[in-house]
Amino acid sequence: MKSTMMDRPLVLDDILERAGTQFGDVEIVTHMPDKSLHRQTYADLYRRARQLGQALLDTGIKSGDRVATFSWNTHAHLEAYFGVPITGAVLHTLNLRLPPDDVSWIVNHAEDRFLIIDDVLLPLYEKFADKVNFEKIIVVPLSGKPVPEGMDNYEDFIAAADGESFEYPEKNEYDACGMCYTSGTTGKPKGVVYSHRSSVLHAMVAGTPDCLNLSYNDTILAVVPMFHVNAWGLPYVATMTGSRQVFPGPHMDPESLLNVYEAENVNVTAGVPTIWMGIINALDAEPKRWKLHPEMRMTVGGSAAPESMIRRFDAYGCTVVQAWGMTETSPLASAARLKPSVQKLSEDEQYKRRATAGMPVPFVDTRIVGDDGDPLPWNGKDMGEIQVRGPWITGSYYRLDNSEEKFTADGWLRTGDIATIDAEGYINLTDRTKDVIKSGGEWISSVALENALMAHEDVAEAAVVARPDEKWGERPLAAIVLREGHQVEPEALAEFLRERMEKWQVPDDYVFVKEIPRTSTGKFSKLDLRKQLLDNA
């Protein structure tokens, strides 16, 4: 028996239409390179995105063609988020923090036709310009400087198009709308292609109260870059819900972010833990300097936020909400909200759950699997690889022949993350498969060690890697960044850990470093840290 429901595709066109017709007066604010504030509205976004779409069609863009962006978080980048996919073309956000050789490889692998680039990033583009061949380069004049000869000025490009007469090309909801590449920490970057359907469904679930909880009553600033997993889908979620949006531009330092949070009364923000470490240290240094929104919500993803950091933010009335996902999952796969049953537990138990990756969000099937390939029980003890499947989980990689190794025979994505899941459904990430420490036949979580170390009053950051050991196979080695002006002896750290963990899990050695290397997405780079600590040992 068939339903009586209309057969209408889920496409990003409808999110843009809703924003233009229902939230036309809502502001979109950008912190420009010169630190001035650019202001426009959803009505402007609607008009300009349609102009961009028409200009691309007039220039010969076709369905499925890739349009790359090389941009910071700005109003113009948001226009591309809609102006490209409404034509049937594919928005391909390039990670400007990757090495130039990686960027050029990605551009050529994706076969990008056009490039939309911020003028302030042209010096970075020049580092790989001779290795790529874009048909057209469209420059967003954020600084106001003249656009180089042979390139198009973005403002002139869209102004020449008649956005009012733009007609949305017909689309299938399974058509590609976006494209991102992984950061390539374990080999060449891998391409993930998102559909209109997956992006719309992801936005609908991400906005729900038990996930990111966005509405037209909120003002959101996404610190997570728009070139990284579509800024966790936030541009689409915020536009769908009519949230007021504030973009940081290139200014990601704690002081600049705190200034904009206060000036624009931001109450929702999102980014990786390293961003929030800088923010909380700035607040601690000058606790009365900034007056933040009294109900500030800070979504953390990319890697686990230490429980100690969550507690520190609570003291300022800022609620940290952990989320977990990856490029392959669009990225939202779980979020750490407290169920009523958990809210009845002790404060310490509640913090323990808040420091997890949370519970799987709707429509993301989740399991943990042991070394033998069998699913493990959700008892908070058995540890295995997280595997997921769902309508916004990729089932393959773009033009990669051996991608099947990342997927199980029964259709699940192998995430490479090691975790336990408790009876309430809370996922406790313990490591990546390549980072877990196997000592004497037992697994030691580097994440648990790092979070415990960062709770010490003298420690600013900590990262733990495995070091080969003749007796035990591997033993943990901790790299420590001290807080400014602080000192601590290794034995004091060891004693601190012994009070919180099993003795055999405590590292034997501690190395004090000025900084911990990071990936292009702001996570600790264990690969580079191992090279730094072990290759030169």
Protein backbone atom coordinates (compact mmCIF):
# COMPACT_ATOMS: atom_id res chain seq x y z
CA MET A 1 0.00 0.00 0.00
CA LYS A 2 1.37 3.45 -0.92
CA SER A 3 0.93 6.53 1.22
CA THR A 4 -1.00 9.62 0.19
CA MET A 5 2.00 11.90 0.84
CA MET A 6 3.40 14.23 -1.80
CA ASP A 7 6.63 13.16 -3.46
CA ARG A 8 8.73 16.26 -2.89
CA PRO A 9 12.53 16.07 -2.76
CA LEU A 10 14.58 17.28 0.21
CA VAL A 11 16.84 19.97 -1.26
CA LEU A 12 18.79 22.94 0.08
CA ASP A 13 16.74 25.25 -2.16
CA ASP A 14 13.91 25.09 0.37
CA ILE A 15 16.13 26.17 3.28
CA LEU A 16 17.17 29.26 1.31
CA GLU A 17 13.57 30.02 0.34
CA ARG A 18 12.39 29.76 3.94
CA ALA A 19 15.15 32.06 5.17
CA GLY A 20 14.35 34.65 2.51
CA THR A 21 10.60 34.66 3.08
CA GLN A 22 10.35 34.19 6.87
CA PHE A 23 13.57 35.61 8.34
CA GLY A 24 14.38 38.43 5.94
CA ASP A 25 15.16 40.98 8.64
CA VAL A 26 17.47 38.69 10.69
CA GLU A 27 21.08 39.84 10.75
CA ILE A 28 24.20 38.13 9.40
CA VAL A 29 27.35 39.75 10.83
CA THR A 30 30.96 39.26 9.68
CA HIS A 31 34.14 40.25 11.54
CA MET A 32 36.12 41.55 8.57
CA PRO A 33 39.92 41.31 8.15
CA ASP A 34 40.34 44.94 9.32
CA LYS A 35 38.17 44.07 12.37
CA SER A 36 35.25 46.20 11.18
CA LEU A 37 31.80 44.55 11.20
CA HIS A 38 29.92 43.88 7.99
CA ARG A 39 26.15 43.56 8.40
CA GLN A 40 23.51 42.19 6.07
CA THR A 41 20.29 40.22 6.44
CA TYR A 42 18.75 36.93 5.34
CA ALA A 43 16.93 38.95 2.68
CA ASP A 44 20.36 39.95 1.37
CA LEU A 45 21.57 36.35 1.58
CA TYR A 46 18.53 35.21 -0.40
CA ARG A 47 19.08 37.83 -3.09
CA ARG A 48 22.85 37.45 -3.35
CA ALA A 49 22.90 33.62 -3.24
CA ARG A 50 20.42 33.56 -6.12
CA GLN A 51 22.55 36.11 -7.98
CA LEU A 52 25.60 33.91 -7.45
CA GLY A 53 23.64 30.91 -8.70
CA GLN A 54 22.53 32.74 -11.82
CA ALA A 55 26.04 34.08 -12.46
CA LEU A 56 27.44 30.55 -12.25
CA LEU A 57 24.80 29.25 -14.67
CA ASP A 58 25.50 32.15 -17.03
CA THR A 59 29.18 31.20 -16.93
CA GLY A 60 28.42 27.63 -17.93
CA ILE A 61 28.34 25.70 -14.66
CA LYS A 62 26.55 22.38 -15.02
CA SER A 63 24.96 19.93 -12.64
CA GLY A 64 27.63 17.98 -10.79
CA ASP A 65 30.44 20.44 -11.56
CA ARG A 66 32.63 21.26 -8.58
CA VAL A 67 33.04 24.84 -7.36
CA ALA A 68 35.81 25.14 -4.77
CA THR A 69 35.96 27.72 -1.99
CA PHE A 70 39.12 28.89 -0.26
CA SER A 71 37.62 31.11 2.39
CA TRP A 72 37.26 32.04 6.03
CA ASN A 73 33.89 32.07 7.84
CA THR A 74 32.13 35.05 6.25
CA HIS A 75 28.80 36.19 4.80
CA ALA A 76 30.17 35.58 1.30
CA HIS A 77 31.10 32.01 2.16
CA LEU A 78 27.54 31.50 3.42
CA GLU A 79 26.27 32.79 0.08
CA ALA A 80 28.38 30.14 -1.66
CA TYR A 81 26.96 27.47 0.65
CA PHE A 82 23.62 28.08 -1.06
CA GLY A 83 24.49 29.80 -4.33
CA VAL A 84 26.54 26.84 -5.59
CA PRO A 85 24.28 23.86 -4.73
CA ILE A 86 21.03 25.56 -5.83
CA THR A 87 22.41 25.41 -9.39
CA GLY A 88 22.94 21.65 -9.16
CA ALA A 89 26.70 22.15 -8.83
CA VAL A 90 28.75 20.88 -5.89
CA LEU A 91 30.28 23.10 -3.20
CA HIS A 92 33.82 21.89 -2.44
CA THR A 93 35.29 23.62 0.62
CA LEU A 94 39.10 23.53 0.58
CA ASN A 95 40.98 23.32 3.86
CA LEU A 96 43.30 26.33 3.83
CA ARG A 97 45.36 24.90 6.70
CA LEU A 98 46.56 21.89 4.73
CA PRO A 99 50.02 21.91 3.11
CA PRO A 100 49.93 23.41 -0.42
CA ASP A 101 50.79 20.05 -2.01
CA ASP A 102 47.80 18.44 -0.30
CA VAL A 103 45.48 21.24 -1.44
CA SER A 104 46.60 20.96 -5.05
CA TRP A 105 46.23 17.18 -4.95
CA ILE A 106 42.67 17.55 -3.61
CA VAL A 107 41.74 20.16 -6.25
CA ASN A 108 42.98 17.94 -9.04
CA HIS A 109 41.45 14.78 -7.60
CA ALA A 110 38.07 16.51 -7.25
CA GLU A 111 38.41 18.11 -10.70
CA ASP A 112 37.25 21.51 -9.46
CA ARG A 113 36.23 23.88 -12.28
CA PHE A 114 35.86 27.23 -10.51
CA LEU A 115 37.39 28.74 -7.37
CA ILE A 116 35.83 31.31 -5.03
CA ILE A 117 38.59 32.75 -2.83
CA ASP A 118 38.97 35.53 -0.23
CA ASP A 119 41.43 38.17 -1.41
CA VAL A 120 43.33 37.91 1.89
CA LEU A 121 44.07 34.26 1.04
CA LEU A 122 45.57 34.89 -2.40
CA PRO A 123 49.14 34.60 -1.01
CA LEU A 124 48.28 31.05 0.13
CA TYR A 125 46.79 30.25 -3.26
CA GLU A 126 50.01 31.35 -4.97
CA LYS A 127 51.83 28.51 -3.19
CA PHE A 128 49.97 25.90 -5.25
CA ALA A 129 48.68 27.96 -8.20
CA ASP A 130 51.12 26.40 -10.66
CA LYS A 131 49.82 22.90 -9.83
CA VAL A 132 46.11 23.51 -10.49
CA ASN A 133 44.09 24.76 -13.44
CA PHE A 134 40.84 26.51 -12.54
CA GLU A 135 38.74 27.76 -15.45
CA LYS A 136 37.65 30.79 -13.45
CA ILE A 137 38.83 32.37 -10.19
CA ILE A 138 36.34 34.61 -8.39
CA VAL A 139 37.87 36.81 -5.68
CA VAL A 140 35.86 38.05 -2.69
CA PRO A 141 37.25 41.58 -2.00
CA LEU A 142 37.17 41.49 1.79
CA SER A 143 40.11 43.88 2.14
CA GLY A 144 38.98 46.19 -0.65
CA LYS A 145 42.26 45.83 -2.54
CA PRO A 146 42.18 45.58 -6.34
CA VAL A 147 41.51 42.10 -7.69
CA PRO A 148 44.46 40.68 -9.67
CA GLU A 149 44.28 40.75 -13.44
CA GLY A 150 42.75 37.62 -14.94
CA MET A 151 40.51 37.03 -11.94
CA ASP A 152 36.89 38.09 -11.37
CA ASN A 153 35.74 40.41 -8.60
CA TYR A 154 33.03 38.52 -6.69
CA GLU A 155 30.87 41.61 -6.25
CA ASP A 156 31.01 42.43 -9.96
CA PHE A 157 30.44 38.78 -10.85
CA ILE A 158 27.14 38.51 -8.96
CA ALA A 159 26.01 42.08 -9.72
CA ALA A 160 25.95 41.27 -13.43
CA ALA A 161 23.43 38.46 -12.85
CA ASP A 162 19.64 38.77 -12.57
CA GLY A 163 18.89 36.97 -9.35
CA GLU A 164 15.18 37.87 -9.39
CA SER A 165 14.56 35.76 -12.47
CA PHE A 166 16.62 32.83 -11.18
CA GLU A 167 14.81 29.52 -11.53
CA TYR A 168 15.97 26.54 -9.51
CA PRO A 169 17.13 23.76 -11.82
CA GLU A 170 15.30 20.49 -11.16
CA LYS A 171 17.17 18.21 -8.79
CA ASN A 172 16.98 14.74 -7.32
CA GLU A 173 17.43 14.78 -3.54
CA TYR A 174 20.22 12.22 -3.92
CA ASP A 175 22.20 14.60 -6.16
CA ALA A 176 25.51 15.81 -4.73
CA CYS A 177 25.49 19.25 -3.10
CA GLY A 178 28.75 19.35 -1.16
CA MET A 179 32.16 17.80 -0.91
CA CYS A 180 34.84 17.65 1.79
CA TYR A 181 38.12 15.78 2.07
CA THR A 182 39.53 14.24 5.22
CA SER A 183 42.72 15.79 6.59
CA GLY A 184 44.80 12.84 5.37
CA THR A 185 46.66 12.10 8.61
CA THR A 186 47.00 8.42 7.68
CA GLY A 187 47.56 8.78 3.92
CA LYS A 188 46.11 10.76 1.04
CA PRO A 189 42.99 12.78 1.91
CA LYS A 190 39.74 10.98 1.13
CA GLY A 191 36.76 12.69 -0.51
CA VAL A 192 33.25 12.52 0.96
CA VAL A 193 30.32 13.69 -1.16
CA TYR A 194 27.14 14.90 0.56
CA SER A 195 23.69 14.87 -1.03
CA HIS A 196 20.89 17.42 -0.75
CA ARG A 197 18.89 14.81 1.14
CA SER A 198 21.67 13.97 3.61
CA SER A 199 22.39 17.66 4.27
CA VAL A 200 18.73 18.55 4.85
CA LEU A 201 18.14 15.57 7.15
CA HIS A 202 21.35 16.34 9.04
CA ALA A 203 20.23 19.95 9.54
CA MET A 204 16.77 18.90 10.73
CA VAL A 205 18.13 16.54 13.39
CA ALA A 206 21.06 18.77 14.41
CA GLY A 207 18.68 21.60 15.28
CA THR A 208 16.56 19.55 17.68
CA PRO A 209 16.60 20.29 21.44
CA ASP A 210 18.60 17.21 22.39
CA CYS A 211 21.27 17.95 19.78
CA LEU A 212 22.38 21.54 19.07
CA ASN A 213 19.04 23.08 20.10
CA LEU A 214 18.93 26.01 17.63
CA SER A 215 16.04 28.35 16.91
CA TYR A 216 15.31 31.86 15.65
CA ASN A 217 15.80 33.05 19.24
CA ASP A 218 19.54 32.28 19.06
CA THR A 219 22.64 34.13 17.89
CA ILE A 220 25.30 31.66 16.80
CA LEU A 221 28.98 32.09 16.02
CA ALA A 222 30.63 29.05 14.45
CA VAL A 223 34.33 29.06 15.23
CA VAL A 224 34.69 25.69 13.52
CA PRO A 225 35.87 26.62 10.01
CA MET A 226 33.41 26.50 7.12
CA PHE A 227 36.13 24.63 5.23
CA HIS A 228 35.99 21.78 7.76
CA VAL A 229 33.05 19.34 7.38
CA ASN A 230 30.72 22.18 6.34
CA ALA A 231 31.32 23.86 9.71
CA TRP A 232 29.57 20.83 11.24
CA GLY A 233 26.51 21.67 9.13
CA LEU A 234 25.87 24.81 11.20
CA PRO A 235 25.40 27.20 8.23
CA TYR A 236 22.52 25.03 7.04
CA VAL A 237 21.07 24.44 10.54
CA ALA A 238 21.23 28.13 11.46
CA THR A 239 19.74 29.28 8.16
CA MET A 240 16.96 26.68 8.37
CA THR A 241 16.01 27.79 11.88
CA GLY A 242 16.47 31.52 11.23
CA SER A 243 19.18 31.95 13.85
CA ARG A 244 21.09 35.22 13.77
CA GLN A 245 24.57 34.37 12.48
CA VAL A 246 27.89 35.97 13.40
CA PHE A 247 31.04 35.03 11.49
CA PRO A 248 34.54 35.52 12.95
CA GLY A 249 36.34 35.94 9.62
CA PRO A 250 40.07 35.27 10.09
CA HIS A 251 40.03 36.35 13.76
CA MET A 252 40.12 33.12 15.78
CA ASP A 253 42.22 34.27 18.75
CA PRO A 254 40.57 34.22 22.20
CA GLU A 255 40.48 37.99 22.68
CA SER A 256 38.86 38.66 19.29
CA LEU A 257 36.28 35.92 19.82
CA LEU A 258 35.42 37.11 23.34
CA ASN A 259 35.06 40.70 22.12
CA VAL A 260 32.61 39.64 19.40
CA TYR A 261 30.73 37.30 21.76
CA GLU A 262 30.10 40.25 24.07
CA ALA A 263 29.43 42.90 21.42
CA GLU A 264 26.96 40.75 19.44
CA ASN A 265 25.38 38.98 22.45
CA VAL A 266 26.26 35.54 21.06
CA ASN A 267 24.61 32.71 23.00
CA VAL A 268 25.64 29.68 20.88
CA THR A 269 29.12 28.88 19.60
CA ALA A 270 31.00 25.82 18.37
CA GLY A 271 34.59 24.74 17.89
CA VAL A 272 37.35 22.29 18.79
CA PRO A 273 38.76 21.97 22.35
CA THR A 274 41.96 23.87 21.57
CA ILE A 275 39.83 26.97 20.86
CA TRP A 276 38.06 26.64 24.20
CA MET A 277 41.33 26.08 26.07
CA GLY A 278 42.44 29.50 24.86
CA ILE A 279 39.07 31.04 25.73
CA ILE A 280 38.96 29.67 29.29
CA ASN A 281 42.56 30.68 29.96
CA ALA A 282 41.73 34.23 28.80
CA LEU A 283 38.67 34.32 31.06
CA ASP A 284 40.68 33.07 34.02
CA ALA A 285 43.36 35.69 33.40
CA GLU A 286 40.83 38.55 33.26
CA PRO A 287 37.60 37.19 34.78
CA LYS A 288 35.78 40.54 34.87
CA ARG A 289 36.79 41.87 31.45
CA TRP A 290 34.04 40.26 29.35
CA LYS A 291 30.33 40.00 30.05
CA LEU A 292 29.07 36.99 28.12
CA HIS A 293 25.51 35.90 27.48
CA PRO A 294 24.17 34.44 30.75
CA GLU A 295 23.12 31.24 29.00
CA MET A 296 26.05 30.72 26.62
CA ARG A 297 26.14 27.25 25.03
CA MET A 298 29.44 26.01 23.64
CA THR A 299 29.41 22.95 21.40
CA VAL A 300 32.72 21.08 21.41
CA GLY A 301 33.74 18.55 18.77
CA GLY A 302 36.78 17.26 16.95
CA SER A 303 38.26 15.70 20.09
CA ALA A 304 37.21 15.18 23.69
CA ALA A 305 36.99 18.13 26.04
CA PRO A 306 38.40 17.35 29.50
CA GLU A 307 35.90 17.26 32.34
CA SER A 308 38.06 19.84 34.11
CA MET A 309 37.48 22.30 31.27
CA ILE A 310 33.72 21.73 31.38
CA ARG A 311 33.73 22.53 35.11
CA ARG A 312 35.82 25.67 34.56
CA PHE A 313 33.36 27.00 31.99
CA ASP A 314 30.41 26.25 34.27
CA ALA A 315 31.88 28.75 36.73
CA TYR A 316 31.31 31.46 34.09
CA GLY A 317 27.78 30.31 33.25
CA CYS A 318 28.91 28.77 29.97
CA THR A 319 27.55 25.30 29.24
CA VAL A 320 29.82 22.99 27.25
CA VAL A 321 27.99 20.42 25.13
CA GLN A 322 30.14 17.68 23.63
CA ALA A 323 29.36 16.27 20.20
CA TRP A 324 31.10 13.63 18.12
CA GLY A 325 31.40 12.91 14.44
CA MET A 326 33.76 13.01 11.49
CA THR A 327 33.92 14.09 7.86
CA GLU A 328 32.32 10.79 6.91
CA THR A 329 29.30 11.41 9.18
CA SER A 330 28.42 14.94 7.93
CA PRO A 331 29.51 15.17 10.90
CA LEU A 332 26.96 14.92 13.73
CA ALA A 333 26.68 11.39 15.10
CA SER A 334 26.22 11.91 18.85
CA ALA A 335 25.61 14.68 21.38
CA ALA A 336 26.04 14.78 25.16
CA ARG A 337 22.78 15.95 26.66
CA LEU A 338 21.69 14.65 30.05
CA LYS A 339 18.72 12.27 30.09
CA PRO A 340 16.25 12.65 32.99
CA SER A 341 17.60 9.45 34.55
CA VAL A 342 21.13 10.89 34.52
CA GLN A 343 19.98 14.23 35.94
CA LYS A 344 18.97 12.33 39.09
CA LEU A 345 22.54 11.13 39.63
CA SER A 346 25.23 12.90 41.63
CA GLU A 347 26.94 15.99 40.27
CA ASP A 348 30.13 14.01 39.64
CA GLU A 349 28.20 11.38 37.67
CA GLN A 350 26.54 14.08 35.59
CA TYR A 351 29.92 15.64 34.78
CA LYS A 352 31.16 12.19 33.85
CA ARG A 353 28.38 11.89 31.22
CA ARG A 354 28.89 15.45 29.98
CA ALA A 355 32.54 14.60 29.31
CA THR A 356 31.55 11.73 27.01
CA ALA A 357 30.73 11.94 23.30
CA GLY A 358 27.08 11.65 24.29
CA MET A 359 24.33 9.47 22.88
CA PRO A 360 23.79 8.61 19.21
CA VAL A 361 21.50 11.15 17.57
CA PRO A 362 18.29 10.01 15.81
CA PHE A 363 18.78 7.90 12.67
CA VAL A 364 22.46 7.14 13.39
CA ASP A 365 22.68 3.44 14.20
CA THR A 366 25.68 2.80 16.44
CA ARG A 367 27.53 -0.26 17.66
CA ILE A 368 30.92 -1.15 19.10
CA VAL A 369 32.74 -4.19 17.72
CA GLY A 370 35.51 -6.29 19.21
CA ASP A 371 38.62 -7.67 17.51
CA ASP A 372 36.65 -10.75 16.44
CA GLY A 373 34.13 -8.58 14.56
CA ASP A 374 31.27 -9.32 16.94
CA PRO A 375 29.17 -6.50 18.46
CA LEU A 376 29.87 -5.82 22.14
CA PRO A 377 27.33 -5.08 24.89
CA TRP A 378 26.56 -1.54 26.07
CA ASN A 379 27.81 -2.01 29.62
CA GLY A 380 30.35 0.82 29.95
CA LYS A 381 33.20 -1.69 30.21
CA ASP A 382 33.66 -3.59 26.95
CA MET A 383 35.82 -1.58 24.57
CA GLY A 384 35.69 -1.79 20.78
CA GLU A 385 35.62 0.15 17.53
CA ILE A 386 32.61 2.40 16.93
CA GLN A 387 30.74 1.57 13.74
CA VAL A 388 27.84 3.65 12.43
CA ARG A 389 25.32 3.77 9.61
CA GLY A 390 22.59 6.22 8.68
CA PRO A 391 21.17 8.61 6.05
CA TRP A 392 24.02 11.11 6.38
CA ILE A 393 26.84 8.57 6.81
CA THR A 394 29.00 8.03 3.72
CA GLY A 395 28.93 4.57 2.15
CA SER A 396 32.12 5.05 0.12
CA TYR A 397 34.82 7.57 -0.77
CA TYR A 398 35.06 9.61 -3.95
CA ARG A 399 37.20 7.91 -6.62
CA LEU A 400 38.97 5.63 -4.15
CA ASP A 401 39.22 2.02 -5.23
CA ASN A 402 40.20 0.51 -1.89
CA SER A 403 37.65 2.35 0.23
CA GLU A 404 35.87 -0.90 1.08
CA GLU A 405 38.40 -1.47 3.88
CA LYS A 406 36.62 1.31 5.80
CA PHE A 407 33.23 -0.40 5.51
CA THR A 408 31.95 -3.71 6.84
CA ALA A 409 30.37 -6.40 4.72
CA ASP A 410 27.00 -5.62 6.30
CA GLY A 411 27.14 -1.91 5.49
CA TRP A 412 28.59 -0.10 8.52
CA LEU A 413 31.26 2.63 8.50
CA ARG A 414 34.35 1.72 10.50
CA THR A 415 35.15 4.97 12.29
CA GLY A 416 38.54 3.97 13.71
CA ASP A 417 37.46 5.32 17.12
CA ILE A 418 37.69 3.04 20.16
CA ALA A 419 35.00 3.45 22.80
CA THR A 420 32.76 1.97 25.44
CA ILE A 421 29.01 2.61 25.51
CA ASP A 422 27.14 2.46 28.81
CA ALA A 423 23.64 1.17 29.45
CA GLU A 424 22.19 4.68 29.03
CA GLY A 425 23.76 4.96 25.57
CA TYR A 426 26.60 7.37 26.41
CA ILE A 427 29.66 6.86 24.23
CA ASN A 428 32.99 7.20 26.01
CA LEU A 429 35.73 7.63 23.41
CA THR A 430 38.93 6.07 24.64
CA ASP A 431 41.17 6.37 21.58
CA ARG A 432 41.71 6.06 17.87
CA THR A 433 42.61 2.54 16.74
CA LYS A 434 46.04 3.81 15.74
CA ASP A 435 46.58 5.66 19.04
CA VAL A 436 45.41 3.16 21.64
CA ILE A 437 48.23 1.93 23.88
CA LYS A 438 48.46 -1.85 24.27
CA SER A 439 50.48 -2.58 27.39
CA GLY A 440 50.89 -6.13 28.65
CA GLY A 441 47.87 -7.26 26.68
CA GLU A 442 45.64 -4.52 28.15
CA TRP A 443 44.43 -1.34 26.47
CA ILE A 444 45.30 2.05 27.96
CA SER A 445 43.30 5.06 26.79
CA SER A 446 45.52 7.98 25.82
CA VAL A 447 42.42 10.22 25.90
CA ALA A 448 41.68 9.31 29.53
CA LEU A 449 45.28 10.02 30.49
CA GLU A 450 45.28 13.36 28.67
CA ASN A 451 42.03 14.50 30.27
CA ALA A 452 43.27 13.49 33.72
CA LEU A 453 46.57 15.33 33.23
CA MET A 454 44.81 18.49 32.02
CA ALA A 455 42.88 18.55 35.30
CA HIS A 456 46.19 19.26 37.11
CA GLU A 457 46.49 22.93 38.09
CA ASP A 458 49.95 23.30 36.51
CA VAL A 459 49.13 21.66 33.15
CA ALA A 460 47.83 23.66 30.18
CA GLU A 461 47.82 20.81 27.64
CA ALA A 462 48.81 17.16 27.57
CA ALA A 463 49.10 14.54 24.84
CA VAL A 464 50.00 10.88 25.32
CA VAL A 465 51.50 8.46 22.78
CA ALA A 466 52.66 4.86 22.89
CA ARG A 467 56.37 4.14 23.21
CA PRO A 468 57.75 0.65 22.40
CA ASP A 469 58.69 -1.35 25.48
CA GLU A 470 60.58 -4.68 25.52
CA LYS A 471 58.68 -6.06 28.50
CA TRP A 472 55.14 -4.70 28.05
CA GLY A 473 55.02 -4.14 24.27
CA GLU A 474 54.03 -0.49 24.69
CA ARG A 475 53.99 2.06 27.50
CA PRO A 476 52.44 5.55 27.60
CA LEU A 477 54.67 8.60 27.15
CA ALA A 478 53.18 11.97 28.14
CA ALA A 479 54.02 15.31 26.52
CA ILE A 480 53.19 18.22 28.84
CA VAL A 481 52.70 21.93 28.15
CA LEU A 482 52.80 23.83 31.45
CA ARG A 483 50.67 26.83 32.24
CA GLU A 484 52.59 30.07 32.02
CA GLY A 485 54.66 30.64 35.14
CA HIS A 486 54.00 27.15 36.55
CA GLN A 487 56.38 24.29 37.34
CA VAL A 488 55.77 20.68 38.35
CA GLU A 489 57.91 17.59 38.80
CA PRO A 490 57.16 14.37 36.84
CA GLU A 491 56.66 12.41 40.06
CA ALA A 492 53.99 14.87 41.18
CA LEU A 493 52.12 14.25 37.93
CA ALA A 494 52.48 10.51 38.35
CA GLU A 495 51.13 10.69 41.90
CA PHE A 496 48.24 12.87 40.70
CA LEU A 497 47.35 10.20 38.12
CA ARG A 498 47.73 7.28 40.54
CA GLU A 499 44.95 8.82 42.63
CA ARG A 500 42.64 8.72 39.62
CA MET A 501 43.65 5.70 37.56
CA GLU A 502 45.05 2.20 37.87
CA LYS A 503 48.77 2.25 38.66
CA TRP A 504 49.70 0.21 35.59
CA GLN A 505 48.04 2.82 33.35
CA VAL A 506 50.17 5.69 34.64
CA PRO A 507 52.99 6.82 32.28
CA ASP A 508 56.54 6.05 33.28
CA ASP A 509 57.95 9.14 31.57
CA TYR A 510 56.95 12.78 31.03
CA VAL A 511 58.41 15.19 28.48
CA PHE A 512 57.87 18.93 28.87
CA VAL A 513 57.38 20.74 25.55
CA LYS A 514 56.56 24.31 24.50
CA GLU A 515 53.66 23.23 22.31
CA ILE A 516 51.93 20.12 20.99
CA PRO A 517 51.74 19.81 17.20
CA ARG A 518 48.26 20.08 15.72
CA THR A 519 46.49 18.89 12.61
CA SER A 520 44.90 21.24 10.09
CA THR A 521 41.62 20.95 12.03
CA GLY A 522 43.12 21.89 15.40
CA LYS A 523 43.38 18.43 16.93
CA PHE A 524 46.55 17.11 18.55
CA SER A 525 48.68 15.49 15.84
CA LYS A 526 49.79 12.24 17.42
CA LEU A 527 51.63 11.34 14.20
CA ASP A 528 53.84 14.44 14.41
CA LEU A 529 54.21 14.09 18.17
CA ARG A 530 55.44 10.50 17.82
CA LYS A 531 57.98 11.64 15.25
CA GLN A 532 59.08 14.47 17.53
CA LEU A 533 59.41 12.34 20.67
CA LEU A 534 60.33 8.90 19.37
CA ASP A 535 62.18 9.30 16.07
CA ASN A 536 64.72 11.59 17.71
CA ALA A 537 65.03 9.54 20.89
